[in-house]
Amino acid sequence: MSSSCSFRITRTAEDLAQTINALSQRLVKLEQRQEALELQLGQQGSEDHAEELQVLDGVDQILRECHQLLETPKQEIEEPETWPGEEHNESMAA
């Protein structure tokens, strides 16, 4: 009977060893997939960042132009010329 019990223990230990081996291999594969996904996400993220930087550069340019317009003295801004006959129309409206 002791040999039967010893056989069961040995068989169970072998089964456990095979299960642990299979789980270890799956874990390695999952870690490799995770690394590949992280690299892929990192590359996509850098492409997205480049597009965002281009948009922000455009916004910065528009802001600079607006600041320049605001800082321009009023005399430098050209007044619209009056068309001939507008003075006549203004006096008729009054």
PDB file of N, CA and C in Angstrom:
ATOM      1  N   MET A   1       0.799  -1.174   0.000  1.00  0.00           N
ATOM      2  CA  MET A   1       0.000   0.000   0.000  1.00  0.00           C
ATOM      3  C   MET A   1       0.855   1.257   0.000  1.00  0.00           C
ATOM      4  N   SER A   2       2.008   1.155   0.674  1.00  0.00           N
ATOM      5  CA  SER A   2       2.872   2.323   0.710  1.00  0.00           C
ATOM      6  C   SER A   2       3.420   2.629  -0.678  1.00  0.00           C
ATOM      7  N   SER A   3       3.615   1.592  -1.489  1.00  0.00           N
ATOM      8  CA  SER A   3       4.095   1.854  -2.844  1.00  0.00           C
ATOM      9  C   SER A   3       3.023   2.540  -3.676  1.00  0.00           C
ATOM     10  N   SER A   4       1.772   2.221  -3.449  1.00  0.00           N
ATOM     11  CA  SER A   4       0.677   2.868  -4.164  1.00  0.00           C
ATOM     12  C   SER A   4       0.569   4.333  -3.750  1.00  0.00           C
ATOM     13  N   CYS A   5       0.731   4.595  -2.473  1.00  0.00           N
ATOM     14  CA  CYS A   5       0.685   5.981  -1.980  1.00  0.00           C
ATOM     15  C   CYS A   5       1.879   6.766  -2.515  1.00  0.00           C
ATOM     16  N   SER A   6       3.036   6.167  -2.528  1.00  0.00           N
ATOM     17  CA  SER A   6       4.232   6.811  -3.042  1.00  0.00           C
ATOM     18  C   SER A   6       4.088   7.114  -4.535  1.00  0.00           C
ATOM     19  N   PHE A   7       3.464   6.181  -5.275  1.00  0.00           N
ATOM     20  CA  PHE A   7       3.239   6.393  -6.703  1.00  0.00           C
ATOM     21  C   PHE A   7       2.321   7.587  -6.925  1.00  0.00           C
ATOM     22  N   ARG A   8       1.261   7.688  -6.122  1.00  0.00           N
ATOM     23  CA  ARG A   8       0.316   8.809  -6.254  1.00  0.00           C
ATOM     24  C   ARG A   8       1.008  10.142  -5.967  1.00  0.00           C
ATOM     25  N   ILE A   9       1.815  10.157  -4.931  1.00  0.00           N
ATOM     26  CA  ILE A   9       2.536  11.392  -4.586  1.00  0.00           C
ATOM     27  C   ILE A   9       3.471  11.776  -5.729  1.00  0.00           C
ATOM     28  N   THR A  10       4.192  10.799  -6.250  1.00  0.00           N
ATOM     29  CA  THR A  10       5.111  11.072  -7.354  1.00  0.00           C
ATOM     30  C   THR A  10       4.352  11.565  -8.569  1.00  0.00           C
ATOM     31  N   ARG A  11       3.244  10.906  -8.875  1.00  0.00           N
ATOM     32  CA  ARG A  11       2.438  11.289 -10.044  1.00  0.00           C
ATOM     33  C   ARG A  11       1.869  12.695  -9.862  1.00  0.00           C
ATOM     34  N   THR A  12       1.394  13.008  -8.676  1.00  0.00           N
ATOM     35  CA  THR A  12       0.849  14.340  -8.392  1.00  0.00           C
ATOM     36  C   THR A  12       1.946  15.396  -8.491  1.00  0.00           C
ATOM     37  N   ALA A  13       3.110  15.082  -7.996  1.00  0.00           N
ATOM     38  CA  ALA A  13       4.234  16.022  -8.086  1.00  0.00           C
ATOM     39  C   ALA A  13       4.615  16.263  -9.539  1.00  0.00           C
ATOM     40  N   GLU A  14       4.606  15.233 -10.352  1.00  0.00           N
ATOM     41  CA  GLU A  14       4.905  15.402 -11.783  1.00  0.00           C
ATOM     42  C   GLU A  14       3.840  16.247 -12.472  1.00  0.00           C
ATOM     43  N   ASP A  15       2.582  15.999 -12.143  1.00  0.00           N
ATOM     44  CA  ASP A  15       1.489  16.798 -12.718  1.00  0.00           C
ATOM     45  C   ASP A  15       1.632  18.273 -12.326  1.00  0.00           C
ATOM     46  N   LEU A  16       1.954  18.500 -11.057  1.00  0.00           N
ATOM     47  CA  LEU A  16       2.154  19.876 -10.597  1.00  0.00           C
ATOM     48  C   LEU A  16       3.329  20.536 -11.323  1.00  0.00           C
ATOM     49  N   ALA A  17       4.394  19.796 -11.506  1.00  0.00           N
ATOM     50  CA  ALA A  17       5.562  20.334 -12.204  1.00  0.00           C
ATOM     51  C   ALA A  17       5.218  20.695 -13.646  1.00  0.00           C
ATOM     52  N   GLN A  18       4.444  19.829 -14.317  1.00  0.00           N
ATOM     53  CA  GLN A  18       4.031  20.122 -15.688  1.00  0.00           C
ATOM     54  C   GLN A  18       3.110  21.346 -15.741  1.00  0.00           C
ATOM     55  N   THR A  19       2.205  21.428 -14.775  1.00  0.00           N
ATOM     56  CA  THR A  19       1.291  22.580 -14.716  1.00  0.00           C
ATOM     57  C   THR A  19       2.066  23.869 -14.485  1.00  0.00           C
ATOM     58  N   ILE A  20       3.016  23.826 -13.561  1.00  0.00           N
ATOM     59  CA  ILE A  20       3.839  25.015 -13.287  1.00  0.00           C
ATOM     60  C   ILE A  20       4.645  25.401 -14.519  1.00  0.00           C
ATOM     61  N   ASN A  21       5.172  24.417 -15.220  1.00  0.00           N
ATOM     62  CA  ASN A  21       5.941  24.672 -16.441  1.00  0.00           C
ATOM     63  C   ASN A  21       5.054  25.331 -17.501  1.00  0.00           C
ATOM     64  N   ALA A  22       3.833  24.795 -17.685  1.00  0.00           N
ATOM     65  CA  ALA A  22       2.905  25.352 -18.673  1.00  0.00           C
ATOM     66  C   ALA A  22       2.517  26.789 -18.298  1.00  0.00           C
ATOM     67  N   LEU A  23       2.253  27.017 -17.016  1.00  0.00           N
ATOM     68  CA  LEU A  23       1.905  28.374 -16.557  1.00  0.00           C
ATOM     69  C   LEU A  23       3.066  29.345 -16.752  1.00  0.00           C
ATOM     70  N   SER A  24       4.280  28.873 -16.501  1.00  0.00           N
ATOM     71  CA  SER A  24       5.460  29.724 -16.694  1.00  0.00           C
ATOM     72  C   SER A  24       5.616  30.113 -18.158  1.00  0.00           C
ATOM     73  N   GLN A  25       5.400  29.153 -19.058  1.00  0.00           N
ATOM     74  CA  GLN A  25       5.504  29.459 -20.484  1.00  0.00           C
ATOM     75  C   GLN A  25       4.431  30.464 -20.917  1.00  0.00           C
ATOM     76  N   ARG A  26       3.213  30.281 -20.409  1.00  0.00           N
ATOM     77  CA  ARG A  26       2.144  31.233 -20.727  1.00  0.00           C
ATOM     78  C   ARG A  26       2.473  32.618 -20.187  1.00  0.00           C
ATOM     79  N   LEU A  27       3.025  32.665 -18.993  1.00  0.00           N
ATOM     80  CA  LEU A  27       3.396  33.951 -18.400  1.00  0.00           C
ATOM     81  C   LEU A  27       4.442  34.663 -19.246  1.00  0.00           C
ATOM     82  N   VAL A  28       5.436  33.909 -19.728  1.00  0.00           N
ATOM     83  CA  VAL A  28       6.472  34.505 -20.581  1.00  0.00           C
ATOM     84  C   VAL A  28       5.847  35.066 -21.853  1.00  0.00           C
ATOM     85  N   LYS A  29       4.934  34.287 -22.469  1.00  0.00           N
ATOM     86  CA  LYS A  29       4.271  34.764 -23.693  1.00  0.00           C
ATOM     87  C   LYS A  29       3.445  36.017 -23.422  1.00  0.00           C
ATOM     88  N   LEU A  30       2.739  36.033 -22.296  1.00  0.00           N
ATOM     89  CA  LEU A  30       1.940  37.218 -21.952  1.00  0.00           C
ATOM     90  C   LEU A  30       2.826  38.439 -21.721  1.00  0.00           C
ATOM     91  N   GLU A  31       3.956  38.253 -21.062  1.00  0.00           N
ATOM     92  CA  GLU A  31       4.881  39.362 -20.841  1.00  0.00           C
ATOM     93  C   GLU A  31       5.426  39.893 -22.165  1.00  0.00           C
ATOM     94  N   GLN A  32       5.720  38.984 -23.098  1.00  0.00           N
ATOM     95  CA  GLN A  32       6.207  39.424 -24.409  1.00  0.00           C
ATOM     96  C   GLN A  32       5.133  40.204 -25.158  1.00  0.00           C
ATOM     97  N   ARG A  33       3.897  39.721 -25.093  1.00  0.00           N
ATOM     98  CA  ARG A  33       2.800  40.436 -25.747  1.00  0.00           C
ATOM     99  C   ARG A  33       2.599  41.812 -25.118  1.00  0.00           C
ATOM    100  N   GLN A  34       2.701  41.876 -23.793  1.00  0.00           N
ATOM    101  CA  GLN A  34       2.546  43.139 -23.098  1.00  0.00           C
ATOM    102  C   GLN A  34       3.623  44.137 -23.534  1.00  0.00           C
ATOM    103  N   GLU A  35       4.861  43.681 -23.634  1.00  0.00           N
ATOM    104  CA  GLU A  35       5.952  44.554 -24.084  1.00  0.00           C
ATOM    105  C   GLU A  35       5.708  45.053 -25.499  1.00  0.00           C
ATOM    106  N   ALA A  36       5.237  44.142 -26.371  1.00  0.00           N
ATOM    107  CA  ALA A  36       4.961  44.534 -27.754  1.00  0.00           C
ATOM    108  C   ALA A  36       3.847  45.577 -27.808  1.00  0.00           C
ATOM    109  N   LEU A  37       2.807  45.384 -27.000  1.00  0.00           N
ATOM    110  CA  LEU A  37       1.703  46.350 -26.970  1.00  0.00           C
ATOM    111  C   LEU A  37       2.162  47.699 -26.419  1.00  0.00           C
ATOM    112  N   GLU A  38       3.002  47.671 -25.394  1.00  0.00           N
ATOM    113  CA  GLU A  38       3.510  48.919 -24.826  1.00  0.00           C
ATOM    114  C   GLU A  38       4.356  49.675 -25.844  1.00  0.00           C
ATOM    115  N   LEU A  39       5.173  48.956 -26.598  1.00  0.00           N
ATOM    116  CA  LEU A  39       5.972  49.605 -27.646  1.00  0.00           C
ATOM    117  C   LEU A  39       5.067  50.209 -28.713  1.00  0.00           C
ATOM    118  N   GLN A  40       4.037  49.464 -29.104  1.00  0.00           N
ATOM    119  CA  GLN A  40       3.116  49.948 -30.122  1.00  0.00           C
ATOM    120  C   GLN A  40       2.384  51.194 -29.626  1.00  0.00           C
ATOM    121  N   LEU A  41       1.936  51.171 -28.379  1.00  0.00           N
ATOM    122  CA  LEU A  41       1.259  52.340 -27.821  1.00  0.00           C
ATOM    123  C   LEU A  41       2.212  53.524 -27.720  1.00  0.00           C
ATOM    124  N   GLY A  42       3.453  53.261 -27.383  1.00  0.00           N
ATOM    125  CA  GLY A  42       4.443  54.332 -27.295  1.00  0.00           C
ATOM    126  C   GLY A  42       4.677  54.995 -28.636  1.00  0.00           C
ATOM    127  N   GLN A  43       4.713  54.197 -29.700  1.00  0.00           N
ATOM    128  CA  GLN A  43       4.912  54.754 -31.037  1.00  0.00           C
ATOM    129  C   GLN A  43       3.696  55.555 -31.466  1.00  0.00           C
ATOM    130  N   GLN A  44       2.501  55.048 -31.191  1.00  0.00           N
ATOM    131  CA  GLN A  44       1.293  55.782 -31.549  1.00  0.00           C
ATOM    132  C   GLN A  44       1.219  57.080 -30.754  1.00  0.00           C
ATOM    133  N   GLY A  45       1.617  57.005 -29.492  1.00  0.00           N
ATOM    134  CA  GLY A  45       1.595  58.198 -28.656  1.00  0.00           C
ATOM    135  C   GLY A  45       2.522  59.277 -29.181  1.00  0.00           C
ATOM    136  N   SER A  46       3.702  58.887 -29.663  1.00  0.00           N
ATOM    137  CA  SER A  46       4.638  59.888 -30.177  1.00  0.00           C
ATOM    138  C   SER A  46       4.110  60.507 -31.466  1.00  0.00           C
ATOM    139  N   GLU A  47       3.411  59.725 -32.301  1.00  0.00           N
ATOM    140  CA  GLU A  47       2.809  60.280 -33.512  1.00  0.00           C
ATOM    141  C   GLU A  47       1.705  61.264 -33.142  1.00  0.00           C
ATOM    142  N   ASP A  48       0.887  60.907 -32.136  1.00  0.00           N
ATOM    143  CA  ASP A  48      -0.171  61.806 -31.689  1.00  0.00           C
ATOM    144  C   ASP A  48       0.425  63.092 -31.131  1.00  0.00           C
ATOM    145  N   HIS A  49       1.519  62.969 -30.402  1.00  0.00           N
ATOM    146  CA  HIS A  49       2.160  64.150 -29.833  1.00  0.00           C
ATOM    147  C   HIS A  49       2.675  65.071 -30.938  1.00  0.00           C
ATOM    148  N   ALA A  50       3.176  64.507 -32.011  1.00  0.00           N
ATOM    149  CA  ALA A  50       3.676  65.334 -33.110  1.00  0.00           C
ATOM    150  C   ALA A  50       2.531  66.130 -33.736  1.00  0.00           C
ATOM    151  N   GLU A  51       1.385  65.500 -33.919  1.00  0.00           N
ATOM    152  CA  GLU A  51       0.230  66.207 -34.478  1.00  0.00           C
ATOM    153  C   GLU A  51      -0.239  67.299 -33.522  1.00  0.00           C
ATOM    154  N   GLU A  52      -0.285  66.987 -32.231  1.00  0.00           N
ATOM    155  CA  GLU A  52      -0.707  67.970 -31.245  1.00  0.00           C
ATOM    156  C   GLU A  52       0.252  69.156 -31.228  1.00  0.00           C
ATOM    157  N   LEU A  53       1.546  68.884 -31.352  1.00  0.00           N
ATOM    158  CA  LEU A  53       2.527  69.969 -31.375  1.00  0.00           C
ATOM    159  C   LEU A  53       2.335  70.868 -32.588  1.00  0.00           C
ATOM    160  N   GLN A  54       2.002  70.296 -33.738  1.00  0.00           N
ATOM    161  CA  GLN A  54       1.749  71.098 -34.930  1.00  0.00           C
ATOM    162  C   GLN A  54       0.543  72.002 -34.717  1.00  0.00           C
ATOM    163  N   VAL A  55      -0.516  71.455 -34.124  1.00  0.00           N
ATOM    164  CA  VAL A  55      -1.713  72.255 -33.864  1.00  0.00           C
ATOM    165  C   VAL A  55      -1.384  73.379 -32.888  1.00  0.00           C
ATOM    166  N   LEU A  56      -0.644  73.037 -31.840  1.00  0.00           N
ATOM    167  CA  LEU A  56      -0.287  74.056 -30.847  1.00  0.00           C
ATOM    168  C   LEU A  56       0.627  75.124 -31.446  1.00  0.00           C
ATOM    169  N   ASP A  57       1.512  74.740 -32.354  1.00  0.00           N
ATOM    170  CA  ASP A  57       2.351  75.734 -33.026  1.00  0.00           C
ATOM    171  C   ASP A  57       1.492  76.701 -33.828  1.00  0.00           C
ATOM    172  N   GLY A  58       0.467  76.186 -34.480  1.00  0.00           N
ATOM    173  CA  GLY A  58      -0.449  77.048 -35.223  1.00  0.00           C
ATOM    174  C   GLY A  58      -1.182  78.008 -34.301  1.00  0.00           C
ATOM    175  N   VAL A  59      -1.605  77.511 -33.151  1.00  0.00           N
ATOM    176  CA  VAL A  59      -2.289  78.361 -32.170  1.00  0.00           C
ATOM    177  C   VAL A  59      -1.328  79.428 -31.659  1.00  0.00           C
ATOM    178  N   ASP A  60      -0.089  79.047 -31.385  1.00  0.00           N
ATOM    179  CA  ASP A  60       0.904  80.024 -30.938  1.00  0.00           C
ATOM    180  C   ASP A  60       1.109  81.126 -31.977  1.00  0.00           C
ATOM    181  N   GLN A  61       1.163  80.760 -33.237  1.00  0.00           N
ATOM    182  CA  GLN A  61       1.346  81.742 -34.307  1.00  0.00           C
ATOM    183  C   GLN A  61       0.167  82.708 -34.339  1.00  0.00           C
ATOM    184  N   ILE A  62      -1.038  82.191 -34.220  1.00  0.00           N
ATOM    185  CA  ILE A  62      -2.224  83.047 -34.226  1.00  0.00           C
ATOM    186  C   ILE A  62      -2.204  83.979 -33.019  1.00  0.00           C
ATOM    187  N   LEU A  63      -1.813  83.467 -31.867  1.00  0.00           N
ATOM    188  CA  LEU A  63      -1.734  84.311 -30.670  1.00  0.00           C
ATOM    189  C   LEU A  63      -0.703  85.428 -30.840  1.00  0.00           C
ATOM    190  N   ARG A  64       0.447  85.104 -31.439  1.00  0.00           N
ATOM    191  CA  ARG A  64       1.467  86.137 -31.669  1.00  0.00           C
ATOM    192  C   ARG A  64       0.935  87.221 -32.595  1.00  0.00           C
ATOM    193  N   GLU A  65       0.236  86.798 -33.649  1.00  0.00           N
ATOM    194  CA  GLU A  65      -0.322  87.771 -34.577  1.00  0.00           C
ATOM    195  C   GLU A  65      -1.358  88.653 -33.889  1.00  0.00           C
ATOM    196  N   CYS A  66      -2.175  88.064 -33.027  1.00  0.00           N
ATOM    197  CA  CYS A  66      -3.165  88.851 -32.293  1.00  0.00           C
ATOM    198  C   CYS A  66      -2.482  89.842 -31.356  1.00  0.00           C
ATOM    199  N   HIS A  67      -1.431  89.394 -30.670  1.00  0.00           N
ATOM    200  CA  HIS A  67      -0.700  90.302 -29.780  1.00  0.00           C
ATOM    201  C   HIS A  67      -0.079  91.452 -30.573  1.00  0.00           C
ATOM    202  N   GLN A  68       0.458  91.144 -31.737  1.00  0.00           N
ATOM    203  CA  GLN A  68       1.039  92.199 -32.567  1.00  0.00           C
ATOM    204  C   GLN A  68      -0.022  93.205 -32.981  1.00  0.00           C
ATOM    205  N   LEU A  69      -1.192  92.713 -33.330  1.00  0.00           N
ATOM    206  CA  LEU A  69      -2.267  93.636 -33.713  1.00  0.00           C
ATOM    207  C   LEU A  69      -2.694  94.493 -32.537  1.00  0.00           C
ATOM    208  N   LEU A  70      -2.754  93.892 -31.360  1.00  0.00           N
ATOM    209  CA  LEU A  70      -3.154  94.657 -30.178  1.00  0.00           C
ATOM    210  C   LEU A  70      -2.102  95.678 -29.781  1.00  0.00           C
ATOM    211  N   GLU A  71      -0.835  95.378 -30.032  1.00  0.00           N
ATOM    212  CA  GLU A  71       0.238  96.286 -29.659  1.00  0.00           C
ATOM    213  C   GLU A  71       0.478  97.374 -30.700  1.00  0.00           C
ATOM    214  N   THR A  72      -0.095  97.222 -31.879  1.00  0.00           N
ATOM    215  CA  THR A  72       0.093  98.209 -32.932  1.00  0.00           C
ATOM    216  C   THR A  72      -0.609  99.496 -32.522  1.00  0.00           C
ATOM    217  N   PRO A  73       0.125 100.638 -32.555  1.00  0.00           N
ATOM    218  CA  PRO A  73      -0.510 101.907 -32.211  1.00  0.00           C
ATOM    219  C   PRO A  73      -1.661 102.202 -33.174  1.00  0.00           C
ATOM    220  N   LYS A  74      -2.628 102.931 -32.679  1.00  0.00           N
ATOM    221  CA  LYS A  74      -3.836 103.210 -33.454  1.00  0.00           C
ATOM    222  C   LYS A  74      -3.518 103.971 -34.731  1.00  0.00           C
ATOM    223  N   GLN A  75      -2.488 104.842 -34.719  1.00  0.00           N
ATOM    224  CA  GLN A  75      -2.162 105.629 -35.904  1.00  0.00           C
ATOM    225  C   GLN A  75      -1.659 104.752 -37.041  1.00  0.00           C
ATOM    226  N   GLU A  76      -1.045 103.622 -36.703  1.00  0.00           N
ATOM    227  CA  GLU A  76      -0.507 102.760 -37.745  1.00  0.00           C
ATOM    228  C   GLU A  76      -1.592 101.973 -38.454  1.00  0.00           C
ATOM    229  N   ILE A  77      -2.741 101.824 -37.810  1.00  0.00           N
ATOM    230  CA  ILE A  77      -3.833 101.108 -38.439  1.00  0.00           C
ATOM    231  C   ILE A  77      -4.481 102.052 -39.433  1.00  0.00           C
ATOM    232  N   GLU A  78      -4.567 101.623 -40.668  1.00  0.00           N
ATOM    233  CA  GLU A  78      -5.084 102.480 -41.712  1.00  0.00           C
ATOM    234  C   GLU A  78      -6.578 102.661 -41.545  1.00  0.00           C
ATOM    235  N   GLU A  79      -6.988 103.919 -41.612  1.00  0.00           N
ATOM    236  CA  GLU A  79      -8.406 104.233 -41.567  1.00  0.00           C
ATOM    237  C   GLU A  79      -8.969 104.000 -42.959  1.00  0.00           C
ATOM    238  N   PRO A  80     -10.169 103.464 -43.057  1.00  0.00           N
ATOM    239  CA  PRO A  80     -10.735 103.265 -44.385  1.00  0.00           C
ATOM    240  C   PRO A  80     -11.000 104.610 -45.059  1.00  0.00           C
ATOM    241  N   GLU A  81     -10.684 104.662 -46.332  1.00  0.00           N
ATOM    242  CA  GLU A  81     -10.920 105.889 -47.072  1.00  0.00           C
ATOM    243  C   GLU A  81     -12.404 106.028 -47.355  1.00  0.00           C
ATOM    244  N   THR A  82     -12.862 107.252 -47.375  1.00  0.00           N
ATOM    245  CA  THR A  82     -14.268 107.477 -47.700  1.00  0.00           C
ATOM    246  C   THR A  82     -14.397 107.560 -49.202  1.00  0.00           C
ATOM    247  N   TRP A  83     -15.425 106.992 -49.711  1.00  0.00           N
ATOM    248  CA  TRP A  83     -15.666 106.991 -51.138  1.00  0.00           C
ATOM    249  C   TRP A  83     -16.290 108.332 -51.534  1.00  0.00           C
ATOM    250  N   PRO A  84     -16.002 108.754 -52.722  1.00  0.00           N
ATOM    251  CA  PRO A  84     -16.635 110.001 -53.156  1.00  0.00           C
ATOM    252  C   PRO A  84     -18.146 109.811 -53.148  1.00  0.00           C
ATOM    253  N   GLY A  85     -18.813 110.789 -52.618  1.00  0.00           N
ATOM    254  CA  GLY A  85     -20.258 110.733 -52.572  1.00  0.00           C
ATOM    255  C   GLY A  85     -20.784 110.225 -51.231  1.00  0.00           C
ATOM    256  N   GLU A  86     -19.917 109.654 -50.401  1.00  0.00           N
ATOM    257  CA  GLU A  86     -20.380 109.188 -49.095  1.00  0.00           C
ATOM    258  C   GLU A  86     -20.731 110.365 -48.212  1.00  0.00           C
ATOM    259  N   GLU A  87     -19.986 111.430 -48.313  1.00  0.00           N
ATOM    260  CA  GLU A  87     -20.286 112.599 -47.498  1.00  0.00           C
ATOM    261  C   GLU A  87     -21.666 113.138 -47.859  1.00  0.00           C
ATOM    262  N   HIS A  88     -22.016 113.059 -49.150  1.00  0.00           N
ATOM    263  CA  HIS A  88     -23.310 113.525 -49.608  1.00  0.00           C
ATOM    264  C   HIS A  88     -24.420 112.642 -49.028  1.00  0.00           C
ATOM    265  N   ASN A  89     -24.180 111.305 -49.023  1.00  0.00           N
ATOM    266  CA  ASN A  89     -25.176 110.382 -48.480  1.00  0.00           C
ATOM    267  C   ASN A  89     -25.354 110.580 -46.995  1.00  0.00           C
ATOM    268  N   GLU A  90     -24.276 110.896 -46.265  1.00  0.00           N
ATOM    269  CA  GLU A  90     -24.368 111.108 -44.826  1.00  0.00           C
ATOM    270  C   GLU A  90     -25.187 112.353 -44.526  1.00  0.00           C
ATOM    271  N   SER A  91     -25.017 113.394 -45.336  1.00  0.00           N
ATOM    272  CA  SER A  91     -25.760 114.634 -45.080  1.00  0.00           C
ATOM    273  C   SER A  91     -27.237 114.429 -45.415  1.00  0.00           C
ATOM    274  N   MET A  92     -27.553 113.575 -46.384  1.00  0.00           N
ATOM    275  CA  MET A  92     -28.936 113.319 -46.721  1.00  0.00           C
ATOM    276  C   MET A  92     -29.611 112.493 -45.625  1.00  0.00           C
ATOM    277  N   ALA A  93     -28.855 111.596 -44.975  1.00  0.00           N
ATOM    278  CA  ALA A  93     -29.433 110.787 -43.920  1.00  0.00           C
ATOM    279  C   ALA A  93     -29.720 111.616 -42.689  1.00  0.00           C
ATOM    280  N   ALA A  94     -28.964 112.692 -42.500  1.00  0.00           N
ATOM    281  CA  ALA A  94     -29.135 113.534 -41.310  1.00  0.00           C
ATOM    282  C   ALA A  94     -30.265 114.449 -41.531  1.00  0.00           C
TER     283      ALA A  94
END
